[in-house]
């Protein structure tokens, strides 16, 4: 069901290039249940990426990849990946060319005839599927991003070439009789370059769509809520104890959230946090023995953990009145509600500022584009006095206006998107505040 839900959401083009399902393959005279992946990248790219990814993420070396020992099946023997199993196991992968792409089979076993399958070891097999999705997320995201960057460079080069050719044609019009043949050649070259530019631009958009669809489809496996702001209670482990925390999933990255949380506590409550210095970066920031009257008349310890989460970050906030006196909805309901309100106050200030700053930046871009457009229009108006001599210059300016107009439209749409996000965040925070207020009044 995990893989079916993932691939039913992809479009037809993507489903042809990326397919995952269970498969039976023969290895060492035994049939093995494997996770079969059909993707667009070729065999060499997949093998190299899989080898490097295992080494970087799990300090695991694979066998069968050297220049003099290329095997159909590469393996990592007697390894331990804790989220799959506490026991040692053997991990295998086979990569072969498949049509315009490649086929990757991943399978594992605890011993010669103790194969990890959905029937014999269902939990371990599901974890192996998650490992596969993690690899695909890393590999395919980088693969399509690299292709997009390469095509962007090609598009820029073609645009520069087209502009240079247009300038050459403009200059040569002063003596069109003598340079007629040269201009015909340049125009033919421009036509050829224009076709290449259109083809590269279309390919760039196709790759970007592929990248977006791959990321969306892979992310569906890892989260059930796609909103940019999610607030809920969560259990996390800290100092060998489980703590009830307020979990917040937001769009800004880890670095922004950590710095903002530190500054906000200092500005609003004159409170310093530990674990935020250059030489003591910790996963969990703490403020020990502080007093915030709205939460408690007693001193308490306030903690915040910030980690990267997909395209944004996850913030967990929790507190305690002592080593084993954790503030939870059950033990200290009033204090916990106050901690929720403190979190909402912080989010309101931080996210409003975050999206407002982004909106201001985009507004400045829009103003600059409008000024550029007006300046170009003014230049065109002046040049209309001599249409014959400046006709080519006006064509160039109109082309620039078209390009600038496109940038203006895109920037304006992005601005509206950011404003909508800002409004959505504000509405979400208001709803949370009202909900907490109702809870508070109901309990009181």
Protein backbone atom coordinates (compact mmCIF):
# COMPACT_ATOMS: atom_id res chain seq x y z
CA UNK A 1 0.00 0.00 0.00
CA UNK A 2 2.92 2.33 0.76
CA UNK A 3 4.34 2.07 -2.74
CA UNK A 4 0.92 1.93 -4.47
CA UNK A 5 -0.15 5.23 -2.89
CA UNK A 6 3.13 6.79 -3.98
CA UNK A 7 2.95 5.88 -7.62
CA UNK A 8 -0.77 6.41 -8.17
CA UNK A 9 -0.12 10.08 -7.47
CA UNK A 10 2.50 10.47 -10.24
CA UNK A 11 1.56 11.59 -13.73
CA UNK A 12 1.83 9.30 -16.74
CA UNK A 13 5.25 10.56 -17.85
CA UNK A 14 6.76 10.14 -14.40
CA UNK A 15 5.18 6.71 -13.87
CA UNK A 16 6.90 5.52 -17.02
CA UNK A 17 10.29 6.66 -15.72
CA UNK A 18 9.95 5.74 -12.04
CA UNK A 19 8.36 2.44 -11.00
CA UNK A 20 8.75 0.57 -7.70
CA UNK A 21 7.31 -2.85 -6.88
CA UNK A 22 8.23 -6.19 -5.33
CA UNK A 23 10.01 -8.67 -7.59
CA UNK A 24 11.42 -12.19 -7.48
CA UNK A 25 14.99 -12.56 -8.74
CA UNK A 26 17.44 -15.47 -8.70
CA UNK A 27 20.76 -15.09 -6.87
CA UNK A 28 23.15 -17.86 -5.74
CA UNK A 29 20.64 -20.50 -6.93
CA UNK A 30 17.89 -19.11 -4.68
CA UNK A 31 14.87 -16.95 -5.39
CA UNK A 32 14.93 -13.67 -3.47
CA UNK A 33 12.14 -11.18 -2.87
CA UNK A 34 13.50 -7.76 -3.85
CA UNK A 35 12.39 -4.16 -4.19
CA UNK A 36 12.52 -3.41 -7.92
CA UNK A 37 13.01 0.20 -9.01
CA UNK A 38 12.83 1.33 -12.65
CA UNK A 39 14.20 4.84 -13.13
CA UNK A 40 15.51 7.17 -15.83
CA UNK A 41 19.25 7.43 -14.85
CA UNK A 42 21.60 4.86 -16.36
CA UNK A 43 23.26 1.88 -14.69
CA UNK A 44 26.62 3.59 -14.08
CA UNK A 45 25.06 6.61 -12.34
CA UNK A 46 22.83 4.45 -10.14
CA UNK A 47 25.65 2.08 -9.05
CA UNK A 48 28.00 4.95 -8.20
CA UNK A 49 25.34 6.91 -6.32
CA UNK A 50 24.18 3.84 -4.32
CA UNK A 51 27.78 3.03 -3.32
CA UNK A 52 28.55 6.62 -2.24
CA UNK A 53 25.21 7.05 -0.46
CA UNK A 54 25.66 3.93 1.67
CA UNK A 55 29.19 4.99 2.61
CA UNK A 56 28.22 8.60 3.42
CA UNK A 57 25.08 7.77 5.42
CA UNK A 58 25.88 4.40 7.02
CA UNK A 59 29.70 4.15 6.82
CA UNK A 60 29.17 1.00 4.77
CA UNK A 61 31.50 -0.32 2.05
CA UNK A 62 30.11 -2.40 -0.80
CA UNK A 63 31.84 -5.21 -2.65
CA UNK A 64 31.88 -5.82 -6.41
CA UNK A 65 32.36 -2.22 -7.60
CA UNK A 66 36.10 -2.06 -8.32
CA UNK A 67 37.54 -1.69 -11.85
CA UNK A 68 38.67 -5.33 -11.87
CA UNK A 69 35.70 -6.84 -10.01
CA UNK A 70 32.58 -5.40 -11.64
CA UNK A 71 29.74 -7.76 -10.70
CA UNK A 72 26.07 -7.75 -11.60
CA UNK A 73 25.24 -7.84 -7.88
CA UNK A 74 27.07 -5.60 -5.41
CA UNK A 75 26.86 -6.42 -1.71
CA UNK A 76 27.53 -5.11 1.77
CA UNK A 77 28.14 -8.02 4.13
CA UNK A 78 27.52 -8.24 7.90
CA UNK A 79 26.36 -4.63 8.23
CA UNK A 80 24.13 -3.08 10.87
CA UNK A 81 21.58 -0.34 10.13
CA UNK A 82 19.68 0.14 13.35
CA UNK A 83 16.32 1.26 11.95
CA UNK A 84 16.18 -1.90 9.82
CA UNK A 85 17.46 -4.39 12.43
CA UNK A 86 19.66 -4.56 15.52
CA UNK A 87 21.18 -7.70 14.03
CA UNK A 88 23.81 -7.85 11.33
CA UNK A 89 22.53 -8.58 7.84
CA UNK A 90 23.72 -8.70 4.23
CA UNK A 91 22.48 -6.02 1.82
CA UNK A 92 22.47 -6.66 -1.94
CA UNK A 93 21.69 -4.58 -5.00
CA UNK A 94 21.63 -5.39 -8.68
CA UNK A 95 21.65 -2.65 -11.34
CA UNK A 96 21.10 -3.38 -15.03
CA UNK A 97 20.33 -1.26 -18.08
CA UNK A 98 16.61 -1.15 -18.84
CA UNK A 99 15.39 0.53 -22.03
CA UNK A 100 16.20 4.25 -21.79
CA UNK A 101 17.08 3.95 -18.08
CA UNK A 102 18.01 1.28 -15.56
CA UNK A 103 16.54 -1.24 -13.13
CA UNK A 104 17.66 -1.45 -9.49
CA UNK A 105 16.83 -4.47 -7.31
CA UNK A 106 17.49 -4.24 -3.56
CA UNK A 107 17.24 -7.27 -1.26
CA UNK A 108 18.70 -8.48 2.05
CA UNK A 109 19.12 -11.51 4.28
CA UNK A 110 20.22 -12.47 7.79
CA UNK A 111 22.01 -15.54 6.51
CA UNK A 112 22.22 -18.04 3.70
CA UNK A 113 18.51 -18.96 3.74
CA UNK A 114 17.09 -16.28 6.10
CA UNK A 115 15.94 -13.83 3.45
CA UNK A 116 14.18 -10.62 4.44
CA UNK A 117 10.75 -10.80 2.77
CA UNK A 118 7.31 -9.29 3.49
CA UNK A 119 6.23 -12.67 4.86
CA UNK A 120 9.24 -13.73 6.96
CA UNK A 121 10.40 -10.36 8.32
CA UNK A 122 7.64 -7.81 7.52
CA UNK A 123 8.99 -5.02 9.78
CA UNK A 124 12.51 -5.32 8.41
CA UNK A 125 11.20 -5.43 4.84
CA UNK A 126 9.18 -2.24 5.37
CA UNK A 127 12.31 -0.58 6.77
CA UNK A 128 14.20 -1.74 3.67
CA UNK A 129 11.52 -0.02 1.55
CA UNK A 130 12.05 3.18 3.55
CA UNK A 131 15.82 2.89 3.01
CA UNK A 132 15.13 2.60 -0.72
CA UNK A 133 12.90 5.69 -0.67
CA UNK A 134 15.55 7.64 1.26
CA UNK A 135 18.12 6.76 -1.38
CA UNK A 136 15.77 7.67 -4.22
CA UNK A 137 14.93 10.99 -2.59
CA UNK A 138 18.63 11.88 -2.36
CA UNK A 139 19.68 10.48 -5.73
CA UNK A 140 16.79 11.57 -7.97
CA UNK A 141 16.55 15.03 -6.42
CA UNK A 142 20.25 15.67 -7.09
CA UNK A 143 20.03 13.98 -10.50
CA UNK A 144 17.21 16.19 -11.80
CA UNK A 145 18.57 19.29 -10.07
CA UNK A 146 21.96 18.81 -11.76
CA UNK A 147 20.26 18.37 -15.13
CA UNK A 148 18.21 21.50 -14.57
CA UNK A 149 21.33 23.50 -13.68
CA UNK A 150 23.14 22.26 -16.78
CA UNK A 151 20.21 23.19 -18.99
CA UNK A 152 19.95 26.60 -17.34
CA UNK A 153 23.59 27.22 -18.27
CA UNK A 154 22.88 26.13 -21.85
CA UNK A 155 19.88 28.46 -22.02
CA UNK A 156 21.96 31.38 -20.72
CA UNK A 157 24.70 30.70 -23.29
CA UNK A 158 22.16 30.51 -26.11
CA UNK A 159 20.51 33.73 -24.95
CA UNK A 160 23.88 35.51 -24.88
CA UNK A 161 24.67 34.19 -28.35
CA UNK A 162 21.30 35.32 -29.66
CA UNK A 163 21.83 38.80 -28.17
CA UNK A 164 25.30 39.06 -29.70
CA UNK A 165 23.96 38.04 -33.10
CA UNK A 166 21.19 40.64 -32.84
CA UNK A 167 23.77 43.35 -32.06
CA UNK A 168 25.82 42.25 -35.07
CA UNK A 169 22.78 42.52 -37.34
CA UNK A 170 22.02 46.04 -36.01
CA UNK A 171 25.55 47.27 -36.68
CA UNK A 172 25.68 45.74 -40.11
CA UNK A 173 22.51 47.51 -41.29
CA UNK A 174 24.54 50.74 -41.93
CA UNK A 175 25.94 49.10 -44.98
CA UNK A 176 23.32 46.50 -45.82
CA UNK A 177 24.47 46.19 -49.47
CA UNK A 178 28.05 45.21 -48.62
CA UNK A 179 27.08 43.06 -45.63
CA UNK A 180 23.92 41.49 -47.10
CA UNK A 181 25.40 38.04 -47.42
CA UNK A 182 26.92 38.22 -43.95
CA UNK A 183 23.56 39.28 -42.47
CA UNK A 184 21.80 36.43 -44.25
CA UNK A 185 24.28 34.04 -42.65
CA UNK A 186 23.78 35.67 -39.25
CA UNK A 187 20.00 35.48 -39.60
CA UNK A 188 20.24 31.81 -40.53
CA UNK A 189 22.50 31.25 -37.54
CA UNK A 190 20.03 33.12 -35.31
CA UNK A 191 17.20 30.92 -36.57
CA UNK A 192 19.24 27.83 -35.79
CA UNK A 193 20.19 29.20 -32.35
CA UNK A 194 16.57 30.17 -31.71
CA UNK A 195 15.45 26.60 -32.40
CA UNK A 196 18.15 25.29 -30.04
CA UNK A 197 17.10 27.83 -27.41
CA UNK A 198 13.43 26.83 -27.65
CA UNK A 199 14.35 23.15 -27.48
CA UNK A 200 16.62 23.67 -24.46
CA UNK A 201 14.03 25.87 -22.70
CA UNK A 202 11.33 23.23 -23.24
CA UNK A 203 13.67 20.52 -21.96
CA UNK A 204 14.49 22.65 -18.91
CA UNK A 205 10.80 22.98 -18.04
CA UNK A 206 10.33 19.24 -18.53
CA UNK A 207 13.23 18.44 -16.17
CA UNK A 208 11.95 20.93 -13.58
CA UNK A 209 8.51 19.29 -13.72
CA UNK A 210 10.15 15.89 -13.34
CA UNK A 211 12.08 17.15 -10.32
CA UNK A 212 8.97 18.63 -8.69
CA UNK A 213 6.94 15.47 -9.28
CA UNK A 214 9.69 13.19 -7.95
CA UNK A 215 10.08 15.27 -4.79
CA UNK A 216 6.30 15.43 -4.24
CA UNK A 217 5.82 11.73 -4.83
CA UNK A 218 8.68 10.70 -2.53
CA UNK A 219 7.59 13.13 0.18
CA UNK A 220 4.10 11.60 0.19
CA UNK A 221 5.67 8.48 1.72
CA UNK A 222 7.13 10.40 4.63
CA UNK A 223 4.36 12.75 5.78
CA UNK A 224 0.59 12.76 5.90
CA UNK A 225 0.06 16.53 6.08
CA UNK A 226 1.40 18.79 3.35
CA UNK A 227 0.55 22.10 5.01
CA UNK A 228 3.38 24.58 5.58
CA UNK A 229 2.48 24.95 9.28
CA UNK A 230 1.56 22.00 11.50
CA UNK A 231 1.28 22.24 15.30
CA UNK A 232 0.67 19.18 17.44
CA UNK A 233 1.81 17.37 20.56
CA UNK A 234 4.74 15.00 20.17
CA UNK A 235 6.88 12.62 22.23
CA UNK A 236 10.66 13.03 21.97
CA UNK A 237 13.56 11.52 23.88
CA UNK A 238 15.95 13.81 25.75
CA UNK A 239 18.44 12.85 28.49
CA UNK A 240 17.13 9.27 28.42
CA UNK A 241 13.56 10.41 29.18
CA UNK A 242 10.51 10.80 27.00
CA UNK A 243 9.18 14.36 26.99
CA UNK A 244 5.85 15.69 25.79
CA UNK A 245 6.62 18.54 23.45
CA UNK A 246 4.85 21.02 21.20
CA UNK A 247 5.86 20.08 17.67
CA UNK A 248 5.80 22.71 14.95
CA UNK A 249 6.56 22.04 11.26
CA UNK A 250 7.27 25.23 9.33
CA UNK A 251 8.84 26.40 6.07
CA UNK A 252 11.87 28.44 7.35
CA UNK A 253 15.10 26.46 7.72
CA UNK A 254 16.80 25.25 10.89
CA UNK A 255 19.36 28.07 11.04
CA UNK A 256 16.69 30.79 10.83
CA UNK A 257 14.50 29.17 13.48
CA UNK A 258 17.36 28.64 15.96
CA UNK A 259 18.59 32.23 15.65
CA UNK A 260 15.06 33.64 15.85
CA UNK A 261 14.13 31.58 18.94
CA UNK A 262 17.32 32.65 20.73
CA UNK A 263 16.81 36.35 19.94
CA UNK A 264 13.08 36.27 20.73
CA UNK A 265 13.61 34.82 24.22
CA UNK A 266 16.32 37.38 24.94
CA UNK A 267 14.30 40.33 23.61
CA UNK A 268 11.00 39.41 25.28
CA UNK A 269 12.08 37.65 28.49
CA UNK A 270 15.72 38.68 28.98
CA UNK A 271 16.58 34.97 28.79
CA UNK A 272 19.83 33.49 27.50
CA UNK A 273 19.87 30.04 25.93
CA UNK A 274 22.64 27.46 26.07
CA UNK A 275 23.89 25.40 23.14
CA UNK A 276 23.70 28.18 20.54
CA UNK A 277 27.32 29.38 20.45
CA UNK A 278 29.73 28.78 17.57
CA UNK A 279 31.71 26.22 19.58
CA UNK A 280 28.77 24.54 21.36
CA UNK A 281 26.11 23.92 18.73
CA UNK A 282 23.73 21.38 20.23
CA UNK A 283 20.62 19.77 18.85
CA UNK A 284 18.67 21.01 21.88
CA UNK A 285 18.78 24.64 23.06
CA UNK A 286 18.07 25.16 26.75
CA UNK A 287 17.29 27.99 29.14
CA UNK A 288 17.81 26.80 32.73
CA UNK A 289 16.12 28.03 35.91
CA UNK A 290 14.16 30.82 34.21
CA UNK A 291 10.95 32.50 35.33
CA UNK A 292 8.20 33.53 32.94
CA UNK A 293 5.17 34.55 35.03
CA UNK A 294 2.66 33.75 32.30
CA UNK A 295 3.77 30.11 32.50
CA UNK A 296 4.69 29.59 36.17
CA UNK A 297 5.66 31.50 39.32
CA UNK A 298 8.37 28.91 39.85
CA UNK A 299 11.68 28.58 38.09
CA UNK A 300 11.63 26.05 35.25
CA UNK A 301 13.83 24.79 32.41
CA UNK A 302 12.80 25.57 28.84
CA UNK A 303 14.06 23.49 25.91
CA UNK A 304 13.85 23.77 22.13
CA UNK A 305 15.03 21.30 19.53
CA UNK A 306 15.27 22.36 15.88
CA UNK A 307 16.02 19.95 13.04
CA UNK A 308 15.81 20.14 9.27
CA UNK A 309 12.54 18.67 7.96
CA UNK A 310 12.12 18.23 4.21
CA UNK A 311 12.05 21.68 2.63
CA UNK A 312 11.68 23.38 6.04
CA UNK A 313 12.29 22.56 9.69
CA UNK A 314 10.71 21.02 12.80
CA UNK A 315 10.69 22.80 16.15
CA UNK A 316 9.96 20.91 19.40
CA UNK A 317 9.42 22.98 22.56
CA UNK A 318 9.17 21.38 26.02
CA UNK A 319 9.79 22.32 29.65
CA UNK A 320 10.18 20.91 33.15
CA UNK A 321 10.12 22.09 36.75
CA UNK A 322 12.85 19.62 37.67
CA UNK A 323 14.60 16.46 36.53
CA UNK A 324 11.42 14.35 36.41
CA UNK A 325 8.76 17.06 36.76
CA UNK A 326 7.99 17.53 33.09
CA UNK A 327 5.34 20.01 32.04
CA UNK A 328 2.74 17.95 30.17
CA UNK A 329 -0.99 18.33 29.48
CA UNK A 330 -1.67 15.73 32.17
CA UNK A 331 0.70 16.78 34.97
CA UNK A 332 0.63 20.58 34.61
CA UNK A 333 -2.26 21.43 32.24
CA UNK A 334 -2.30 25.19 32.97
CA UNK A 335 1.44 25.54 32.50
CA UNK A 336 1.32 23.46 29.33
CA UNK A 337 -1.41 25.65 27.83
CA UNK A 338 0.68 28.70 28.70
CA UNK A 339 3.65 27.05 26.97
CA UNK A 340 1.47 26.56 23.87
CA UNK A 341 0.53 30.25 23.95
CA UNK A 342 4.20 31.18 24.32
CA UNK A 343 4.94 29.06 21.24
CA UNK A 344 2.13 30.72 19.28
CA UNK A 345 3.35 34.18 20.30
CA UNK A 346 6.82 33.30 19.05
CA UNK A 347 5.48 31.83 15.79
CA UNK A 348 3.26 34.83 15.20
CA UNK A 349 6.20 37.25 15.47
CA UNK A 350 8.75 35.08 13.68
CA UNK A 351 6.63 33.88 10.75
CA UNK A 352 5.00 37.25 10.22
CA UNK A 353 8.46 38.84 10.02
CA UNK A 354 9.79 35.99 7.87
CA UNK A 355 7.03 36.24 5.24
CA UNK A 356 6.84 40.03 5.44
CA UNK A 357 10.56 40.29 4.65
CA UNK A 358 10.16 37.94 1.70
CA UNK A 359 7.16 39.91 0.47
CA UNK A 360 9.11 43.19 0.74
CA UNK A 361 11.99 41.73 -1.25
CA UNK A 362 9.63 40.58 -3.98
CA UNK A 363 7.85 43.93 -4.00
CA UNK A 364 11.21 45.61 -4.58
CA UNK A 365 11.90 43.23 -7.45
CA UNK A 366 8.48 44.01 -8.93
CA UNK A 367 9.12 47.76 -8.65
CA UNK A 368 12.51 47.38 -10.34
CA UNK A 369 10.98 45.36 -13.17
CA UNK A 370 8.22 47.94 -13.61
CA UNK A 371 10.83 50.73 -13.72
CA UNK A 372 12.87 48.76 -16.24
CA UNK A 373 9.75 48.18 -18.31
CA UNK A 374 8.88 51.91 -18.20
CA UNK A 375 12.46 52.84 -19.10
CA UNK A 376 12.40 50.44 -22.03
CA UNK A 377 9.08 51.91 -23.16
CA UNK A 378 10.57 55.41 -22.94
CA UNK A 379 13.57 54.33 -25.01
CA UNK A 380 11.25 52.81 -27.61
CA UNK A 381 9.23 56.06 -27.71
CA UNK A 382 12.37 58.12 -28.33
CA UNK A 383 13.63 55.76 -30.97
CA UNK A 384 10.36 55.93 -32.94
CA UNK A 385 11.58 59.30 -34.34
CA UNK A 386 13.81 57.43 -36.69
CA UNK A 387 12.12 54.06 -37.33
CA UNK A 388 14.26 53.23 -40.36
CA UNK A 389 17.66 53.62 -38.68
CA UNK A 390 16.62 52.28 -35.25
CA UNK A 391 14.17 49.56 -36.29
CA UNK A 392 16.48 46.75 -35.20
CA UNK A 393 17.19 48.47 -31.89
CA UNK A 394 13.46 48.76 -31.24
CA UNK A 395 12.94 45.09 -32.04
CA UNK A 396 15.65 44.27 -29.52
CA UNK A 397 14.06 46.53 -26.93
CA UNK A 398 10.66 44.95 -27.51
CA UNK A 399 12.21 41.54 -27.05
CA UNK A 400 13.74 42.79 -23.80
CA UNK A 401 10.36 44.13 -22.77
CA UNK A 402 8.79 40.75 -23.44
CA UNK A 403 11.43 39.03 -21.33
CA UNK A 404 11.12 41.62 -18.57
CA UNK A 405 7.33 41.31 -18.71
CA UNK A 406 7.63 37.58 -18.20
CA UNK A 407 9.94 38.13 -15.21
CA UNK A 408 7.48 40.71 -13.89
CA UNK A 409 4.56 38.27 -14.15
CA UNK A 410 6.54 35.51 -12.43
CA UNK A 411 7.70 37.81 -9.66
CA UNK A 412 4.15 39.16 -9.19
CA UNK A 413 2.76 35.62 -8.95
CA UNK A 414 5.49 34.70 -6.45
CA UNK A 415 4.69 37.80 -4.46
CA UNK A 416 1.01 36.85 -4.31
CA UNK A 417 1.97 33.33 -3.29
CA UNK A 418 4.10 34.62 -0.41
CA UNK A 419 1.33 36.97 0.67
CA UNK A 420 -1.15 34.11 0.62
CA UNK A 421 1.24 32.03 2.72
CA UNK A 422 1.59 34.89 5.16
CA UNK A 423 -2.20 35.23 5.41
CA UNK A 424 -2.60 31.48 5.82
CA UNK A 425 -0.03 31.41 8.62
CA UNK A 426 -1.75 34.27 10.42
CA UNK A 427 -5.13 32.56 10.08
CA UNK A 428 -3.66 29.28 11.31
CA UNK A 429 -2.16 30.96 14.36
CA UNK A 430 -5.43 32.70 15.11
CA UNK A 431 -7.27 29.40 14.95
CA UNK A 432 -4.73 27.82 17.30
CA UNK A 433 -5.05 30.70 19.75
CA UNK A 434 -8.83 30.48 19.72
CA UNK A 435 -8.65 26.74 20.20
CA UNK A 436 -6.30 27.09 23.15
CA UNK A 437 -8.48 29.81 24.60
CA UNK A 438 -11.51 27.54 24.40
CA UNK A 439 -9.56 24.72 26.03
CA UNK A 440 -8.46 27.03 28.78
CA UNK A 441 -11.92 28.42 29.42
CA UNK A 442 -13.41 24.92 29.30
CA UNK A 443 -10.94 23.56 31.87
CA UNK A 444 -11.37 26.57 34.10
